[in-house]
Protein backbone atom coordinates (compact mmCIF):
# COMPACT_ATOMS: atom_id res chain seq x y z
CA UNK A 1 117.89 152.02 107.17
CA UNK A 2 121.34 151.47 106.60
CA UNK A 3 122.15 150.94 102.46
CA UNK A 4 126.32 151.03 102.04
CA UNK A 5 129.47 150.14 103.30
CA UNK A 6 129.93 153.91 104.32
CA UNK A 7 127.17 153.41 107.22
CA UNK A 8 128.63 152.41 110.47
CA UNK A 9 126.51 149.43 110.95
CA UNK A 10 127.90 147.89 107.80
CA UNK A 11 131.45 148.75 108.62
CA UNK A 12 131.11 147.89 112.21
CA UNK A 13 132.15 143.82 111.78
CA UNK A 14 135.54 145.16 110.30
CA UNK A 15 138.42 145.79 112.19
CA UNK A 16 140.19 147.91 109.70
CA UNK A 17 139.63 149.50 106.42
CA UNK A 18 141.64 146.50 104.56
CA UNK A 19 139.10 144.12 106.12
CA UNK A 20 136.41 145.85 103.85
CA UNK A 21 137.89 144.32 100.81
CA UNK A 22 135.67 141.48 100.10
CA UNK A 23 132.29 143.33 100.79
CA UNK A 24 133.86 145.92 98.46
CA UNK A 25 134.74 143.53 95.99
CA UNK A 26 131.05 142.05 95.98
CA UNK A 27 129.44 143.85 93.03
CA UNK A 28 132.31 142.21 90.95
CA UNK A 29 130.94 138.66 91.44
CA UNK A 30 127.76 139.70 89.20
CA UNK A 31 129.13 137.19 86.00
CA UNK A 32 127.32 139.07 83.40
CA UNK A 33 128.87 142.27 84.35
CA UNK A 34 132.29 141.10 84.93
CA UNK A 35 132.26 137.67 83.26
CA UNK A 36 136.30 136.83 84.70
CA UNK A 37 136.47 138.96 87.47
CA UNK A 38 133.00 137.60 88.45
CA UNK A 39 133.97 133.74 88.01
CA UNK A 40 131.11 133.11 85.65
CA UNK A 41 132.26 129.43 84.83
CA UNK A 42 132.85 128.95 88.73
CA UNK A 43 129.25 130.44 89.30
CA UNK A 44 128.02 127.71 86.63
CA UNK A 45 129.31 125.13 88.16
CA UNK A 46 128.26 126.02 91.35
CA UNK A 47 124.88 126.69 90.03
CA UNK A 48 124.56 122.96 88.51
CA UNK A 49 125.87 121.81 91.95
CA UNK A 50 122.79 123.28 93.61
CA UNK A 51 120.77 121.01 91.77
CA UNK A 52 122.03 118.01 93.81
CA UNK A 53 122.07 119.82 97.20
CA UNK A 54 120.44 117.46 99.73
CA UNK A 55 120.99 119.75 102.82
CA UNK A 56 118.80 122.28 104.12
CA UNK A 57 118.26 125.62 102.06
CA UNK A 58 116.19 128.62 102.49
CA UNK A 59 115.45 131.61 100.44
CA UNK A 60 114.30 134.73 101.82
CA UNK A 61 113.23 137.86 99.69
CA UNK A 62 111.81 140.97 100.15
CA UNK A 63 108.70 141.66 98.07
CA UNK A 64 109.75 145.05 97.35
CA UNK A 65 113.23 144.12 95.90
CA UNK A 66 113.76 145.49 92.57
CA UNK A 67 117.19 143.79 91.78
CA UNK A 68 116.41 140.01 92.82
CA UNK A 69 112.48 140.00 92.41
CA UNK A 70 110.08 137.54 94.21
CA UNK A 71 109.93 135.98 90.76
CA UNK A 72 113.36 135.27 90.63
CA UNK A 73 113.92 134.14 94.04
CA UNK A 74 111.13 131.63 93.14
CA UNK A 75 112.86 130.50 90.39
CA UNK A 76 116.23 130.00 91.98
CA UNK A 77 114.53 128.07 95.16
CA UNK A 78 112.50 125.78 93.12
CA UNK A 79 116.52 124.88 91.26
CA UNK A 80 117.52 123.78 94.85
CA UNK A 81 115.53 120.36 95.70
CA UNK A 82 113.99 120.94 99.11
CA UNK A 83 114.31 124.61 99.78
CA UNK A 84 112.01 126.64 101.44
CA UNK A 85 111.07 130.12 99.96
CA UNK A 86 109.69 132.98 102.00
CA UNK A 87 108.34 136.65 100.98
CA UNK A 88 109.01 139.17 103.33
CA UNK A 89 106.49 142.31 103.34
CA UNK A 90 107.80 145.60 103.11
CA UNK A 91 111.30 144.04 102.56
CA UNK A 92 113.71 145.18 99.97
CA UNK A 93 116.91 144.27 98.75
CA UNK A 94 118.37 144.28 102.14
CA UNK A 95 116.05 141.65 103.95
CA UNK A 96 118.08 141.76 107.00
CA UNK A 97 117.40 145.32 107.63
CA UNK A 98 114.03 143.91 108.22
CA UNK A 99 115.34 142.51 111.63
CA UNK A 100 112.63 140.50 113.73
CA UNK A 101 110.33 139.47 110.77
CA UNK A 102 113.33 137.87 109.20
CA UNK A 103 114.74 136.33 112.69
CA UNK A 104 111.41 134.90 113.48
CA UNK A 105 111.09 133.27 109.81
CA UNK A 106 114.85 132.06 109.92
CA UNK A 107 114.01 130.46 113.66
CA UNK A 108 110.80 129.19 112.27
CA UNK A 109 112.78 127.36 109.48
CA UNK A 110 115.55 125.83 111.54
CA UNK A 111 112.98 124.46 113.73
CA UNK A 112 111.23 122.43 110.93
CA UNK A 113 114.75 120.67 109.96
């Protein structure tokens, strides 16, 4: 399974090395690691705004994710009114790599809206 930006499956959508800048910058968005670069204040405002979200929101977490655990995901989902929460068995941090199981859940949740 691909797990890095050096893997062709993750680089494929980008048309040049410069286009990957956002993806490489992603880890800096963790505000506890880089408060200023991670935009901690903007993230705090966004988190507060999610408490009043009134559109569909669906959370999908892997039961093997050691970075954002299922318990953490449930708490985040509970913060967003009316959101759904699904656990994908056997998935780790990159739930998109499960393919069909995730796609089926997405389609199911969209169909319920």
